[in-house]
Amino acid sequence: MKTFKDIKFSQSKVVSRGNLQSTTKFDNGFTLSVIAGAHAYSTPREFNLDPDFFSSFEIAIFNSAGDFVTNHFVPDAEDDVLGWQNRGQINALMLLIQSFAK
């Protein structure tokens, strides 16, 4: 099972240069996007390329068609993205995502 430690971050080319971004694809077709930086719902909201600099991150979950399905996994989510998610919360979501069959 993949966990937060398996996430590979790179410098964002879409959201804002200097922010961190990652996409983790799972065998069942879902993808988890995790970002952090000055233009993300993260702590702190600053430019930095070291994931250890951040204590929380912004996440979104997509299905194989690229549609947002964050609300499917977090029914009380008020948006397609969730802000300020810590490593434990992201690990729990990753395990939940991987528990869904194709």
C-alpha atoms as a PDB file:
ATOM      1  CA  MET A   1       0.000   0.000   0.000  1.00  0.00           C
ATOM      2  CA  LYS A   2       1.207   3.477  -0.873  1.00  0.00           C
ATOM      3  CA  THR A   3       1.516   6.066   1.890  1.00  0.00           C
ATOM      4  CA  PHE A   4       2.602   9.683   2.165  1.00  0.00           C
ATOM      5  CA  LYS A   5       6.239   8.570   2.191  1.00  0.00           C
ATOM      6  CA  ASP A   6       5.751   7.250  -1.377  1.00  0.00           C
ATOM      7  CA  ILE A   7       4.648  10.626  -2.746  1.00  0.00           C
ATOM      8  CA  LYS A   8       7.184  12.141  -5.149  1.00  0.00           C
ATOM      9  CA  PHE A   9       7.063  15.926  -5.249  1.00  0.00           C
ATOM     10  CA  SER A  10       8.352  18.196  -7.987  1.00  0.00           C
ATOM     11  CA  GLN A  11       8.307  21.907  -8.693  1.00  0.00           C
ATOM     12  CA  SER A  12       4.903  22.950  -9.988  1.00  0.00           C
ATOM     13  CA  LYS A  13       4.730  24.074 -13.583  1.00  0.00           C
ATOM     14  CA  VAL A  14       0.950  24.568 -13.498  1.00  0.00           C
ATOM     15  CA  VAL A  15      -0.133  26.152 -10.227  1.00  0.00           C
ATOM     16  CA  SER A  16       2.835  28.445  -9.598  1.00  0.00           C
ATOM     17  CA  ARG A  17       6.539  27.980 -10.074  1.00  0.00           C
ATOM     18  CA  GLY A  18       8.132  27.391  -6.698  1.00  0.00           C
ATOM     19  CA  ASN A  19       5.205  25.444  -5.308  1.00  0.00           C
ATOM     20  CA  LEU A  20       5.418  21.704  -4.760  1.00  0.00           C
ATOM     21  CA  GLN A  21       3.076  19.342  -6.549  1.00  0.00           C
ATOM     22  CA  SER A  22       2.586  15.619  -6.902  1.00  0.00           C
ATOM     23  CA  THR A  23       0.196  13.202  -8.508  1.00  0.00           C
ATOM     24  CA  THR A  24       0.013   9.680  -7.177  1.00  0.00           C
ATOM     25  CA  LYS A  25      -1.812   7.199  -9.390  1.00  0.00           C
ATOM     26  CA  PHE A  26      -3.313   4.074  -7.895  1.00  0.00           C
ATOM     27  CA  ASP A  27      -3.937   0.714  -9.557  1.00  0.00           C
ATOM     28  CA  ASN A  28      -7.722   1.191  -9.270  1.00  0.00           C
ATOM     29  CA  GLY A  29      -7.654   4.286 -11.524  1.00  0.00           C
ATOM     30  CA  PHE A  30      -7.854   7.021  -8.899  1.00  0.00           C
ATOM     31  CA  THR A  31      -5.278   9.799  -8.655  1.00  0.00           C
ATOM     32  CA  LEU A  32      -4.364  11.866  -5.622  1.00  0.00           C
ATOM     33  CA  SER A  33      -3.032  15.381  -6.191  1.00  0.00           C
ATOM     34  CA  VAL A  34      -1.052  16.939  -3.328  1.00  0.00           C
ATOM     35  CA  ILE A  35       0.321  20.481  -3.512  1.00  0.00           C
ATOM     36  CA  ALA A  36       1.876  23.000  -1.140  1.00  0.00           C
ATOM     37  CA  GLY A  37       3.192  26.523  -1.414  1.00  0.00           C
ATOM     38  CA  ALA A  38       2.276  30.183  -1.551  1.00  0.00           C
ATOM     39  CA  HIS A  39      -0.811  29.603  -3.713  1.00  0.00           C
ATOM     40  CA  ALA A  40      -2.053  26.437  -2.006  1.00  0.00           C
ATOM     41  CA  TYR A  41      -4.109  25.714   1.081  1.00  0.00           C
ATOM     42  CA  SER A  42      -1.036  24.550   2.972  1.00  0.00           C
ATOM     43  CA  THR A  43       0.920  25.425   6.088  1.00  0.00           C
ATOM     44  CA  PRO A  44       2.877  27.542   5.639  1.00  0.00           C
ATOM     45  CA  ARG A  45       1.669  29.325   2.504  1.00  0.00           C
ATOM     46  CA  GLU A  46       5.165  30.088   1.244  1.00  0.00           C
ATOM     47  CA  PHE A  47       7.391  29.084  -1.651  1.00  0.00           C
ATOM     48  CA  ASN A  48       9.625  26.151  -0.764  1.00  0.00           C
ATOM     49  CA  LEU A  49      10.702  23.010  -2.592  1.00  0.00           C
ATOM     50  CA  ASP A  50      11.247  20.842   0.487  1.00  0.00           C
ATOM     51  CA  PRO A  51       8.172  18.782   1.504  1.00  0.00           C
ATOM     52  CA  ASP A  52       9.487  18.645   5.080  1.00  0.00           C
ATOM     53  CA  PHE A  53       9.027  22.433   5.261  1.00  0.00           C
ATOM     54  CA  PHE A  54       5.232  21.956   5.191  1.00  0.00           C
ATOM     55  CA  SER A  55       3.003  20.617   7.960  1.00  0.00           C
ATOM     56  CA  SER A  56      -0.176  20.547   5.847  1.00  0.00           C
ATOM     57  CA  PHE A  57      -1.071  20.294   2.167  1.00  0.00           C
ATOM     58  CA  GLU A  58      -3.889  20.845  -0.331  1.00  0.00           C
ATOM     59  CA  ILE A  59      -5.308  17.675  -1.903  1.00  0.00           C
ATOM     60  CA  ALA A  60      -7.770  16.596  -4.572  1.00  0.00           C
ATOM     61  CA  ILE A  61      -8.845  13.154  -5.760  1.00  0.00           C
ATOM     62  CA  PHE A  62      -9.691  12.318  -9.387  1.00  0.00           C
ATOM     63  CA  ASN A  63     -11.200   9.275 -11.081  1.00  0.00           C
ATOM     64  CA  SER A  64      -9.742   7.661 -14.208  1.00  0.00           C
ATOM     65  CA  ALA A  65     -11.649  10.124 -16.433  1.00  0.00           C
ATOM     66  CA  GLY A  66     -10.027  13.066 -14.637  1.00  0.00           C
ATOM     67  CA  ASP A  67     -13.185  14.129 -12.804  1.00  0.00           C
ATOM     68  CA  PHE A  68     -13.036  15.388  -9.221  1.00  0.00           C
ATOM     69  CA  VAL A  69     -14.246  12.700  -6.803  1.00  0.00           C
ATOM     70  CA  THR A  70     -12.953  14.176  -3.552  1.00  0.00           C
ATOM     71  CA  ASN A  71     -16.511  14.334  -2.185  1.00  0.00           C
ATOM     72  CA  HIS A  72     -16.886  10.605  -2.821  1.00  0.00           C
ATOM     73  CA  PHE A  73     -14.101   9.894  -0.327  1.00  0.00           C
ATOM     74  CA  VAL A  74     -14.800  12.791   2.042  1.00  0.00           C
ATOM     75  CA  PRO A  75     -18.600  13.274   1.959  1.00  0.00           C
ATOM     76  CA  ASP A  76     -18.576  16.380   4.158  1.00  0.00           C
ATOM     77  CA  ALA A  77     -16.013  18.162   1.934  1.00  0.00           C
ATOM     78  CA  GLU A  78     -17.336  21.544   0.852  1.00  0.00           C
ATOM     79  CA  ASP A  79     -15.209  21.769  -2.299  1.00  0.00           C
ATOM     80  CA  ASP A  80     -13.380  19.652  -4.863  1.00  0.00           C
ATOM     81  CA  VAL A  81     -10.135  20.311  -3.001  1.00  0.00           C
ATOM     82  CA  LEU A  82      -9.332  19.915   0.674  1.00  0.00           C
ATOM     83  CA  GLY A  83      -6.924  22.310   2.296  1.00  0.00           C
ATOM     84  CA  TRP A  84      -4.653  21.980   5.274  1.00  0.00           C
ATOM     85  CA  GLN A  85      -4.467  18.175   5.321  1.00  0.00           C
ATOM     86  CA  ASN A  86      -1.669  16.801   7.489  1.00  0.00           C
ATOM     87  CA  ARG A  87       0.372  13.689   6.725  1.00  0.00           C
ATOM     88  CA  GLY A  88      -1.841  11.458   8.888  1.00  0.00           C
ATOM     89  CA  GLN A  89      -4.993  12.625   7.135  1.00  0.00           C
ATOM     90  CA  ILE A  90      -3.367  12.102   3.730  1.00  0.00           C
ATOM     91  CA  ASN A  91      -2.225   8.599   4.739  1.00  0.00           C
ATOM     92  CA  ALA A  92      -5.786   7.739   5.799  1.00  0.00           C
ATOM     93  CA  LEU A  93      -7.168   9.022   2.476  1.00  0.00           C
ATOM     94  CA  MET A  94      -4.542   7.082   0.527  1.00  0.00           C
ATOM     95  CA  LEU A  95      -5.510   3.858   2.292  1.00  0.00           C
ATOM     96  CA  LEU A  96      -9.208   4.568   1.673  1.00  0.00           C
ATOM     97  CA  ILE A  97      -8.595   5.264  -2.021  1.00  0.00           C
ATOM     98  CA  GLN A  98      -6.649   2.024  -2.398  1.00  0.00           C
ATOM     99  CA  SER A  99      -9.420   0.025  -0.715  1.00  0.00           C
ATOM    100  CA  PHE A 100     -11.818   0.743  -3.599  1.00  0.00           C
ATOM    101  CA  ALA A 101     -11.941  -1.895  -6.311  1.00  0.00           C
ATOM    102  CA  LYS A 102     -11.557  -1.011 -10.003  1.00  0.00           C
END
